[in-house]
Structure formats: C-alpha cells, structure tokens
C-alpha cells in the first residue's frame, strides 16, 4: 500500500529562550502536538532533536518529526442518528 509522509518542525516558544536563556520543550505541549497528528491518522516514524541559536545568545530546543500514514486513510465517521418519529417520541 502507498504511504504519505509529512515532515513537521516543533519549536519551543522563542520568548522562553530570551527570558530564561534556554528553552526546553515542554513534555505536556509536545504530547498534545503528537496526539493532534495521531488523531488525523499520522504516526511518527522518526524524531530528530536539535538546539537552535536565537540572536547568538540564547538557544531553544527543536524537534523535526517525520509522520506517515496510509495514502487512502480517512477518519471513521460517526453513524448518523435519525430524528425519532412522532410515535417514538410519544412513547
């Protein structure tokens, strides 16, 4: 089966780097980020960590994530509920 790939860069907030001198990725925020893509059917294949300089004095942590999913993946749809008929609503 054919697969699709997506490369996404996750960066920590630049303000944290300026205020604290170094910005580390929040595990809670990174988890939310990964779960967001997981709900869309993407699975992480590789994750690469790097440190980026900001204004030559500060640094922040970055992650490059490669996601993959089946090319024909579609989210399962919830079954449609029909409105009750008049006789059912009276019972």
PDB file of N, CA and C in Angstrom:
ATOM      1  N   UNK A   1       0.823  -1.188   0.000  1.00  0.00           N
ATOM      2  CA  UNK A   1       0.000   0.000   0.000  1.00  0.00           C
ATOM      3  C   UNK A   1       0.865   1.249   0.000  1.00  0.00           C
ATOM      4  N   UNK A   2       0.388   2.265  -0.654  1.00  0.00           N
ATOM      5  CA  UNK A   2       1.111   3.536  -0.715  1.00  0.00           C
ATOM      6  C   UNK A   2       0.994   4.276   0.616  1.00  0.00           C
ATOM      7  N   UNK A   3       2.038   4.995   0.920  1.00  0.00           N
ATOM      8  CA  UNK A   3       2.062   5.774   2.162  1.00  0.00           C
ATOM      9  C   UNK A   3       2.280   7.242   1.840  1.00  0.00           C
ATOM     10  N   UNK A   4       1.800   8.099   2.736  1.00  0.00           N
ATOM     11  CA  UNK A   4       2.055   9.537   2.659  1.00  0.00           C
ATOM     12  C   UNK A   4       2.988   9.895   3.800  1.00  0.00           C
ATOM     13  N   UNK A   5       3.814  10.894   3.590  1.00  0.00           N
ATOM     14  CA  UNK A   5       4.723  11.358   4.625  1.00  0.00           C
ATOM     15  C   UNK A   5       4.569  12.849   4.818  1.00  0.00           C
ATOM     16  N   UNK A   6       4.798  13.283   6.033  1.00  0.00           N
ATOM     17  CA  UNK A   6       4.735  14.702   6.372  1.00  0.00           C
ATOM     18  C   UNK A   6       5.881  14.988   7.321  1.00  0.00           C
ATOM     19  N   UNK A   7       6.629  16.062   7.057  1.00  0.00           N
ATOM     20  CA  UNK A   7       7.725  16.477   7.928  1.00  0.00           C
ATOM     21  C   UNK A   7       7.300  17.763   8.621  1.00  0.00           C
ATOM     22  N   UNK A   8       7.356  17.750   9.945  1.00  0.00           N
ATOM     23  CA  UNK A   8       6.908  18.892  10.738  1.00  0.00           C
ATOM     24  C   UNK A   8       7.998  19.260  11.733  1.00  0.00           C
ATOM     25  N   UNK A   9       8.203  20.550  11.922  1.00  0.00           N
ATOM     26  CA  UNK A   9       9.185  21.029  12.894  1.00  0.00           C
ATOM     27  C   UNK A   9       8.444  21.580  14.108  1.00  0.00           C
ATOM     28  N   UNK A  10       8.787  21.066  15.269  1.00  0.00           N
ATOM     29  CA  UNK A  10       8.194  21.531  16.526  1.00  0.00           C
ATOM     30  C   UNK A  10       9.227  22.383  17.241  1.00  0.00           C
ATOM     31  N   UNK A  11       8.900  23.653  17.469  1.00  0.00           N
ATOM     32  CA  UNK A  11       9.825  24.574  18.130  1.00  0.00           C
ATOM     33  C   UNK A  11       9.229  25.059  19.440  1.00  0.00           C
ATOM     34  N   UNK A  12      10.093  25.256  20.397  1.00  0.00           N
ATOM     35  CA  UNK A  12       9.651  25.853  21.651  1.00  0.00           C
ATOM     36  C   UNK A  12       9.542  27.361  21.452  1.00  0.00           C
ATOM     37  N   UNK A  13       8.737  27.981  22.274  1.00  0.00           N
ATOM     38  CA  UNK A  13       8.485  29.414  22.206  1.00  0.00           C
ATOM     39  C   UNK A  13       9.779  30.214  22.322  1.00  0.00           C
ATOM     40  N   UNK A  14       9.984  31.173  21.423  1.00  0.00           N
ATOM     41  CA  UNK A  14      11.196  31.987  21.422  1.00  0.00           C
ATOM     42  C   UNK A  14      11.274  32.890  22.658  1.00  0.00           C
ATOM     43  N   UNK A  15      10.133  33.280  23.195  1.00  0.00           N
ATOM     44  CA  UNK A  15      10.112  34.141  24.380  1.00  0.00           C
ATOM     45  C   UNK A  15      10.755  33.453  25.584  1.00  0.00           C
ATOM     46  N   UNK A  16      10.528  32.150  25.729  1.00  0.00           N
ATOM     47  CA  UNK A  16      11.167  31.399  26.817  1.00  0.00           C
ATOM     48  C   UNK A  16      12.680  31.415  26.677  1.00  0.00           C
ATOM     49  N   UNK A  17      13.153  31.333  25.438  1.00  0.00           N
ATOM     50  CA  UNK A  17      14.599  31.351  25.205  1.00  0.00           C
ATOM     51  C   UNK A  17      15.190  32.695  25.599  1.00  0.00           C
ATOM     52  N   UNK A  18      14.504  33.766  25.276  1.00  0.00           N
ATOM     53  CA  UNK A  18      15.004  35.106  25.598  1.00  0.00           C
ATOM     54  C   UNK A  18      14.948  35.363  27.102  1.00  0.00           C
ATOM     55  N   UNK A  19      13.855  34.974  27.735  1.00  0.00           N
ATOM     56  CA  UNK A  19      13.703  35.239  29.170  1.00  0.00           C
ATOM     57  C   UNK A  19      14.592  34.357  30.041  1.00  0.00           C
ATOM     58  N   UNK A  20      14.744  33.100  29.681  1.00  0.00           N
ATOM     59  CA  UNK A  20      15.466  32.151  30.527  1.00  0.00           C
ATOM     60  C   UNK A  20      16.829  31.739  29.966  1.00  0.00           C
ATOM     61  N   UNK A  21      17.188  32.223  28.780  1.00  0.00           N
ATOM     62  CA  UNK A  21      18.472  31.894  28.190  1.00  0.00           C
ATOM     63  C   UNK A  21      18.465  30.597  27.408  1.00  0.00           C
ATOM     64  N   UNK A  22      17.550  29.719  27.733  1.00  0.00           N
ATOM     65  CA  UNK A  22      17.422  28.443  27.023  1.00  0.00           C
ATOM     66  C   UNK A  22      15.987  27.979  27.151  1.00  0.00           C
ATOM     67  N   UNK A  23      15.432  27.466  26.072  1.00  0.00           N
ATOM     68  CA  UNK A  23      14.055  26.971  26.082  1.00  0.00           C
ATOM     69  C   UNK A  23      14.057  25.482  25.799  1.00  0.00           C
ATOM     70  N   UNK A  24      13.557  24.730  26.754  1.00  0.00           N
ATOM     71  CA  UNK A  24      13.415  23.284  26.577  1.00  0.00           C
ATOM     72  C   UNK A  24      11.956  22.993  26.242  1.00  0.00           C
ATOM     73  N   UNK A  25      11.754  21.957  25.457  1.00  0.00           N
ATOM     74  CA  UNK A  25      10.412  21.576  25.042  1.00  0.00           C
ATOM     75  C   UNK A  25       9.634  21.043  26.242  1.00  0.00           C
ATOM     76  N   UNK A  26       8.415  21.510  26.368  1.00  0.00           N
ATOM     77  CA  UNK A  26       7.523  21.049  27.427  1.00  0.00           C
ATOM     78  C   UNK A  26       6.974  19.677  27.063  1.00  0.00           C
ATOM     79  N   UNK A  27       7.125  18.674  27.922  1.00  0.00           N
ATOM     80  CA  UNK A  27       6.574  17.351  27.611  1.00  0.00           C
ATOM     81  C   UNK A  27       5.057  17.391  27.394  1.00  0.00           C
ATOM     82  N   UNK A  28       4.368  18.217  28.150  1.00  0.00           N
ATOM     83  CA  UNK A  28       2.908  18.312  28.006  1.00  0.00           C
ATOM     84  C   UNK A  28       2.539  18.890  26.635  1.00  0.00           C
ATOM     85  N   UNK A  29       3.223  19.966  26.220  1.00  0.00           N
ATOM     86  CA  UNK A  29       2.941  20.570  24.929  1.00  0.00           C
ATOM     87  C   UNK A  29       3.309  19.649  23.771  1.00  0.00           C
ATOM     88  N   UNK A  30       4.426  18.955  23.899  1.00  0.00           N
ATOM     89  CA  UNK A  30       4.871  18.035  22.849  1.00  0.00           C
ATOM     90  C   UNK A  30       3.907  16.854  22.736  1.00  0.00           C
ATOM     91  N   UNK A  31       3.387  16.387  23.857  1.00  0.00           N
ATOM     92  CA  UNK A  31       2.406  15.305  23.851  1.00  0.00           C
ATOM     93  C   UNK A  31       1.136  15.740  23.131  1.00  0.00           C
ATOM     94  N   UNK A  32       0.655  16.950  23.416  1.00  0.00           N
ATOM     95  CA  UNK A  32      -0.532  17.467  22.729  1.00  0.00           C
ATOM     96  C   UNK A  32      -0.293  17.556  21.230  1.00  0.00           C
ATOM     97  N   UNK A  33       0.893  18.018  20.853  1.00  0.00           N
ATOM     98  CA  UNK A  33       1.276  18.135  19.444  1.00  0.00           C
ATOM     99  C   UNK A  33       1.228  16.772  18.758  1.00  0.00           C
ATOM    100  N   UNK A  34       1.841  15.754  19.361  1.00  0.00           N
ATOM    101  CA  UNK A  34       1.853  14.411  18.773  1.00  0.00           C
ATOM    102  C   UNK A  34       0.450  13.808  18.717  1.00  0.00           C
ATOM    103  N   UNK A  35      -0.339  14.007  19.766  1.00  0.00           N
ATOM    104  CA  UNK A  35      -1.700  13.475  19.791  1.00  0.00           C
ATOM    105  C   UNK A  35      -2.584  14.121  18.730  1.00  0.00           C
ATOM    106  N   UNK A  36      -2.343  15.399  18.448  1.00  0.00           N
ATOM    107  CA  UNK A  36      -3.097  16.094  17.401  1.00  0.00           C
ATOM    108  C   UNK A  36      -2.901  15.393  16.054  1.00  0.00           C
ATOM    109  N   UNK A  37      -1.655  15.102  15.706  1.00  0.00           N
ATOM    110  CA  UNK A  37      -1.381  14.430  14.439  1.00  0.00           C
ATOM    111  C   UNK A  37      -1.840  12.973  14.469  1.00  0.00           C
ATOM    112  N   UNK A  38      -1.784  12.343  15.619  1.00  0.00           N
ATOM    113  CA  UNK A  38      -2.235  10.961  15.749  1.00  0.00           C
ATOM    114  C   UNK A  38      -3.728  10.844  15.461  1.00  0.00           C
ATOM    115  N   UNK A  39      -4.522  11.796  15.941  1.00  0.00           N
ATOM    116  CA  UNK A  39      -5.964  11.780  15.685  1.00  0.00           C
ATOM    117  C   UNK A  39      -6.277  11.923  14.200  1.00  0.00           C
ATOM    118  N   UNK A  40      -5.370  12.533  13.435  1.00  0.00           N
ATOM    119  CA  UNK A  40      -5.557  12.673  11.996  1.00  0.00           C
ATOM    120  C   UNK A  40      -5.035  11.453  11.233  1.00  0.00           C
ATOM    121  N   UNK A  41      -4.543  10.451  11.954  1.00  0.00           N
ATOM    122  CA  UNK A  41      -4.086   9.218  11.329  1.00  0.00           C
ATOM    123  C   UNK A  41      -2.591   9.146  11.083  1.00  0.00           C
ATOM    124  N   UNK A  42      -1.843  10.161  11.499  1.00  0.00           N
ATOM    125  CA  UNK A  42      -0.395  10.173  11.289  1.00  0.00           C
ATOM    126  C   UNK A  42       0.303   9.441  12.427  1.00  0.00           C
ATOM    127  N   UNK A  43       1.327   8.686  12.104  1.00  0.00           N
ATOM    128  CA  UNK A  43       2.163   8.018  13.094  1.00  0.00           C
ATOM    129  C   UNK A  43       3.596   8.509  12.944  1.00  0.00           C
ATOM    130  N   UNK A  44       4.264   8.790  14.045  1.00  0.00           N
ATOM    131  CA  UNK A  44       5.644   9.279  14.000  1.00  0.00           C
ATOM    132  C   UNK A  44       6.578   8.144  13.580  1.00  0.00           C
ATOM    133  N   UNK A  45       7.417   8.408  12.574  1.00  0.00           N
ATOM    134  CA  UNK A  45       8.393   7.436  12.096  1.00  0.00           C
ATOM    135  C   UNK A  45       9.748   7.733  12.727  1.00  0.00           C
ATOM    136  N   UNK A  46      10.183   8.982  12.645  1.00  0.00           N
ATOM    137  CA  UNK A  46      11.440   9.398  13.273  1.00  0.00           C
ATOM    138  C   UNK A  46      11.262  10.761  13.919  1.00  0.00           C
ATOM    139  N   UNK A  47      12.037  10.982  14.960  1.00  0.00           N
ATOM    140  CA  UNK A  47      12.065  12.268  15.651  1.00  0.00           C
ATOM    141  C   UNK A  47      13.529  12.630  15.852  1.00  0.00           C
ATOM    142  N   UNK A  48      13.904  13.828  15.384  1.00  0.00           N
ATOM    143  CA  UNK A  48      15.280  14.289  15.489  1.00  0.00           C
ATOM    144  C   UNK A  48      15.305  15.567  16.326  1.00  0.00           C
ATOM    145  N   UNK A  49      16.157  15.610  17.326  1.00  0.00           N
ATOM    146  CA  UNK A  49      16.267  16.753  18.231  1.00  0.00           C
ATOM    147  C   UNK A  49      17.463  17.610  17.841  1.00  0.00           C
ATOM    148  N   UNK A  50      17.283  18.933  17.940  1.00  0.00           N
ATOM    149  CA  UNK A  50      18.403  19.847  17.695  1.00  0.00           C
ATOM    150  C   UNK A  50      18.250  21.075  18.590  1.00  0.00           C
ATOM    151  N   UNK A  51      19.345  21.791  18.753  1.00  0.00           N
ATOM    152  CA  UNK A  51      19.353  23.039  19.509  1.00  0.00           C
ATOM    153  C   UNK A  51      19.617  24.162  18.514  1.00  0.00           C
ATOM    154  N   UNK A  52      18.784  25.188  18.554  1.00  0.00           N
ATOM    155  CA  UNK A  52      18.890  26.307  17.634  1.00  0.00           C
ATOM    156  C   UNK A  52      19.291  27.559  18.394  1.00  0.00           C
ATOM    157  N   UNK A  53      20.221  28.316  17.858  1.00  0.00           N
ATOM    158  CA  UNK A  53      20.627  29.585  18.470  1.00  0.00           C
ATOM    159  C   UNK A  53      19.641  30.673  18.084  1.00  0.00           C
ATOM    160  N   UNK A  54      19.344  31.514  19.064  1.00  0.00           N
ATOM    161  CA  UNK A  54      18.447  32.642  18.852  1.00  0.00           C
ATOM    162  C   UNK A  54      19.213  33.904  19.212  1.00  0.00           C
ATOM    163  N   UNK A  55      19.415  34.774  18.267  1.00  0.00           N
ATOM    164  CA  UNK A  55      20.144  36.035  18.472  1.00  0.00           C
ATOM    165  C   UNK A  55      21.547  35.811  19.035  1.00  0.00           C
ATOM    166  N   UNK A  56      22.182  34.709  18.729  1.00  0.00           N
ATOM    167  CA  UNK A  56      23.552  34.353  19.104  1.00  0.00           C
ATOM    168  C   UNK A  56      23.775  34.209  20.610  1.00  0.00           C
ATOM    169  N   UNK A  57      22.809  34.560  21.437  1.00  0.00           N
ATOM    170  CA  UNK A  57      22.986  34.475  22.889  1.00  0.00           C
ATOM    171  C   UNK A  57      22.113  33.405  23.532  1.00  0.00           C
ATOM    172  N   UNK A  58      21.012  33.122  22.921  1.00  0.00           N
ATOM    173  CA  UNK A  58      20.019  32.228  23.512  1.00  0.00           C
ATOM    174  C   UNK A  58      19.884  30.975  22.654  1.00  0.00           C
ATOM    175  N   UNK A  59      19.323  29.945  23.232  1.00  0.00           N
ATOM    176  CA  UNK A  59      19.092  28.717  22.466  1.00  0.00           C
ATOM    177  C   UNK A  59      17.734  28.141  22.793  1.00  0.00           C
ATOM    178  N   UNK A  60      17.203  27.400  21.839  1.00  0.00           N
ATOM    179  CA  UNK A  60      15.931  26.711  22.072  1.00  0.00           C
ATOM    180  C   UNK A  60      15.977  25.344  21.424  1.00  0.00           C
ATOM    181  N   UNK A  61      15.201  24.455  22.007  1.00  0.00           N
ATOM    182  CA  UNK A  61      15.148  23.071  21.562  1.00  0.00           C
ATOM    183  C   UNK A  61      14.129  22.939  20.429  1.00  0.00           C
ATOM    184  N   UNK A  62      14.478  22.187  19.399  1.00  0.00           N
ATOM    185  CA  UNK A  62      13.596  21.922  18.260  1.00  0.00           C
ATOM    186  C   UNK A  62      13.536  20.427  18.006  1.00  0.00           C
ATOM    187  N   UNK A  63      12.426  20.004  17.443  1.00  0.00           N
ATOM    188  CA  UNK A  63      12.289  18.618  17.013  1.00  0.00           C
ATOM    189  C   UNK A  63      11.775  18.607  15.582  1.00  0.00           C
ATOM    190  N   UNK A  64      12.359  17.754  14.754  1.00  0.00           N
ATOM    191  CA  UNK A  64      11.849  17.514  13.406  1.00  0.00           C
ATOM    192  C   UNK A  64      11.251  16.115  13.434  1.00  0.00           C
ATOM    193  N   UNK A  65       9.970  16.037  13.116  1.00  0.00           N
ATOM    194  CA  UNK A  65       9.253  14.772  13.185  1.00  0.00           C
ATOM    195  C   UNK A  65       8.807  14.381  11.783  1.00  0.00           C
ATOM    196  N   UNK A  66       9.053  13.128  11.418  1.00  0.00           N
ATOM    197  CA  UNK A  66       8.558  12.588  10.157  1.00  0.00           C
ATOM    198  C   UNK A  66       7.369  11.706  10.498  1.00  0.00           C
ATOM    199  N   UNK A  67       6.216  12.050   9.944  1.00  0.00           N
ATOM    200  CA  UNK A  67       4.993  11.287  10.150  1.00  0.00           C
ATOM    201  C   UNK A  67       4.671  10.513   8.882  1.00  0.00           C
ATOM    202  N   UNK A  68       3.966   9.378   9.052  1.00  0.00           N
ATOM    203  CA  UNK A  68       3.483   8.625   7.898  1.00  0.00           C
ATOM    204  C   UNK A  68       2.076   8.126   8.176  1.00  0.00           C
ATOM    205  N   UNK A  69       1.331   7.910   7.088  1.00  0.00           N
ATOM    206  CA  UNK A  69       0.014   7.280   7.180  1.00  0.00           C
ATOM    207  C   UNK A  69      -0.302   6.638   5.843  1.00  0.00           C
ATOM    208  N   UNK A  70      -1.281   5.782   5.830  1.00  0.00           N
ATOM    209  CA  UNK A  70      -1.724   5.154   4.591  1.00  0.00           C
ATOM    210  C   UNK A  70      -2.274   6.238   3.671  1.00  0.00           C
ATOM    211  N   UNK A  71      -2.004   6.131   2.388  1.00  0.00           N
ATOM    212  CA  UNK A  71      -2.400   7.169   1.435  1.00  0.00           C
ATOM    213  C   UNK A  71      -3.907   7.344   1.354  1.00  0.00           C
ATOM    214  N   UNK A  72      -4.662   6.298   1.564  1.00  0.00           N
ATOM    215  CA  UNK A  72      -6.117   6.402   1.450  1.00  0.00           C
ATOM    216  C   UNK A  72      -6.799   6.442   2.816  1.00  0.00           C
ATOM    217  N   UNK A  73      -6.095   6.879   3.854  1.00  0.00           N
ATOM    218  CA  UNK A  73      -6.647   6.915   5.205  1.00  0.00           C
ATOM    219  C   UNK A  73      -7.751   7.961   5.278  1.00  0.00           C
ATOM    220  N   UNK A  74      -8.861   7.603   5.879  1.00  0.00           N
ATOM    221  CA  UNK A  74      -9.920   8.574   6.153  1.00  0.00           C
ATOM    222  C   UNK A  74     -10.447   8.310   7.554  1.00  0.00           C
ATOM    223  N   UNK A  75     -10.784   9.364   8.216  1.00  0.00           N
ATOM    224  CA  UNK A  75     -11.283   9.239   9.580  1.00  0.00           C
ATOM    225  C   UNK A  75     -12.629   8.521   9.559  1.00  0.00           C
ATOM    226  N   UNK A  76     -12.850   7.585  10.478  1.00  0.00           N
ATOM    227  CA  UNK A  76     -14.151   6.926  10.528  1.00  0.00           C
ATOM    228  C   UNK A  76     -15.222   7.933  10.928  1.00  0.00           C
ATOM    229  N   UNK A  77     -16.330   7.877  10.247  1.00  0.00           N
ATOM    230  CA  UNK A  77     -17.416   8.809  10.534  1.00  0.00           C
ATOM    231  C   UNK A  77     -18.361   8.190  11.546  1.00  0.00           C
ATOM    232  N   UNK A  78     -18.876   9.043  12.426  1.00  0.00           N
ATOM    233  CA  UNK A  78     -19.840   8.574  13.413  1.00  0.00           C
ATOM    234  C   UNK A  78     -21.145   8.268  12.688  1.00  0.00           C
ATOM    235  N   UNK A  79     -21.842   7.214  13.113  1.00  0.00           N
ATOM    236  CA  UNK A  79     -23.106   6.900  12.448  1.00  0.00           C
ATOM    237  C   UNK A  79     -24.108   8.030  12.663  1.00  0.00           C
ATOM    238  N   UNK A  80     -24.855   8.320  11.617  1.00  0.00           N
ATOM    239  CA  UNK A  80     -25.858   9.385  11.720  1.00  0.00           C
ATOM    240  C   UNK A  80     -27.067   8.850  12.463  1.00  0.00           C
ATOM    241  N   UNK A  81     -27.554   9.677  13.362  1.00  0.00           N
ATOM    242  CA  UNK A  81     -28.761   9.305  14.101  1.00  0.00           C
ATOM    243  C   UNK A  81     -29.931  10.021  13.476  1.00  0.00           C
ATOM    244  N   UNK A  82     -30.943   9.274  13.185  1.00  0.00           N
ATOM    245  CA  UNK A  82     -32.146   9.878  12.612  1.00  0.00           C
ATOM    246  C   UNK A  82     -33.007  10.402  13.740  1.00  0.00           C
ATOM    247  N   UNK A  83     -33.740  11.457  13.436  1.00  0.00           N
ATOM    248  CA  UNK A  83     -34.655  12.024  14.425  1.00  0.00           C
ATOM    249  C   UNK A  83     -35.772  11.005  14.698  1.00  0.00           C
ATOM    250  N   UNK A  84     -36.199  10.901  15.955  1.00  0.00           N
ATOM    251  CA  UNK A  84     -37.258   9.947  16.265  1.00  0.00           C
ATOM    252  C   UNK A  84     -38.564  10.355  15.580  1.00  0.00           C
ATOM    253  N   UNK A  85     -39.342   9.353  15.201  1.00  0.00           N
ATOM    254  CA  UNK A  85     -40.630   9.657  14.587  1.00  0.00           C
ATOM    255  C   UNK A  85     -41.606  10.104  15.669  1.00  0.00           C
ATOM    256  N   UNK A  86     -42.734  10.616  15.264  1.00  0.00           N
ATOM    257  CA  UNK A  86     -43.707  11.123  16.240  1.00  0.00           C
ATOM    258  C   UNK A  86     -44.164  10.028  17.181  1.00  0.00           C
ATOM    259  N   UNK A  87     -44.333   8.828  16.692  1.00  0.00           N
ATOM    260  CA  UNK A  87     -44.822   7.749  17.564  1.00  0.00           C
ATOM    261  C   UNK A  87     -43.755   7.370  18.570  1.00  0.00           C
ATOM    262  N   UNK A  88     -42.491   7.406  18.182  1.00  0.00           N
ATOM    263  CA  UNK A  88     -41.418   7.052  19.123  1.00  0.00           C
ATOM    264  C   UNK A  88     -41.249   8.127  20.192  1.00  0.00           C
ATOM    265  N   UNK A  89     -41.416   9.395  19.805  1.00  0.00           N
ATOM    266  CA  UNK A  89     -41.221  10.450  20.765  1.00  0.00           C
ATOM    267  C   UNK A  89     -42.330  10.496  21.801  1.00  0.00           C
ATOM    268  N   UNK A  90     -43.492   9.954  21.485  1.00  0.00           N
ATOM    269  CA  UNK A  90     -44.603   9.953  22.437  1.00  0.00           C
ATOM    270  C   UNK A  90     -44.512   8.807  23.427  1.00  0.00           C
ATOM    271  N   UNK A  91     -43.743   7.777  23.113  1.00  0.00           N
ATOM    272  CA  UNK A  91     -43.646   6.607  23.999  1.00  0.00           C
ATOM    273  C   UNK A  91     -42.762   6.842  25.159  1.00  0.00           C
TER     274      UNK A  91
END
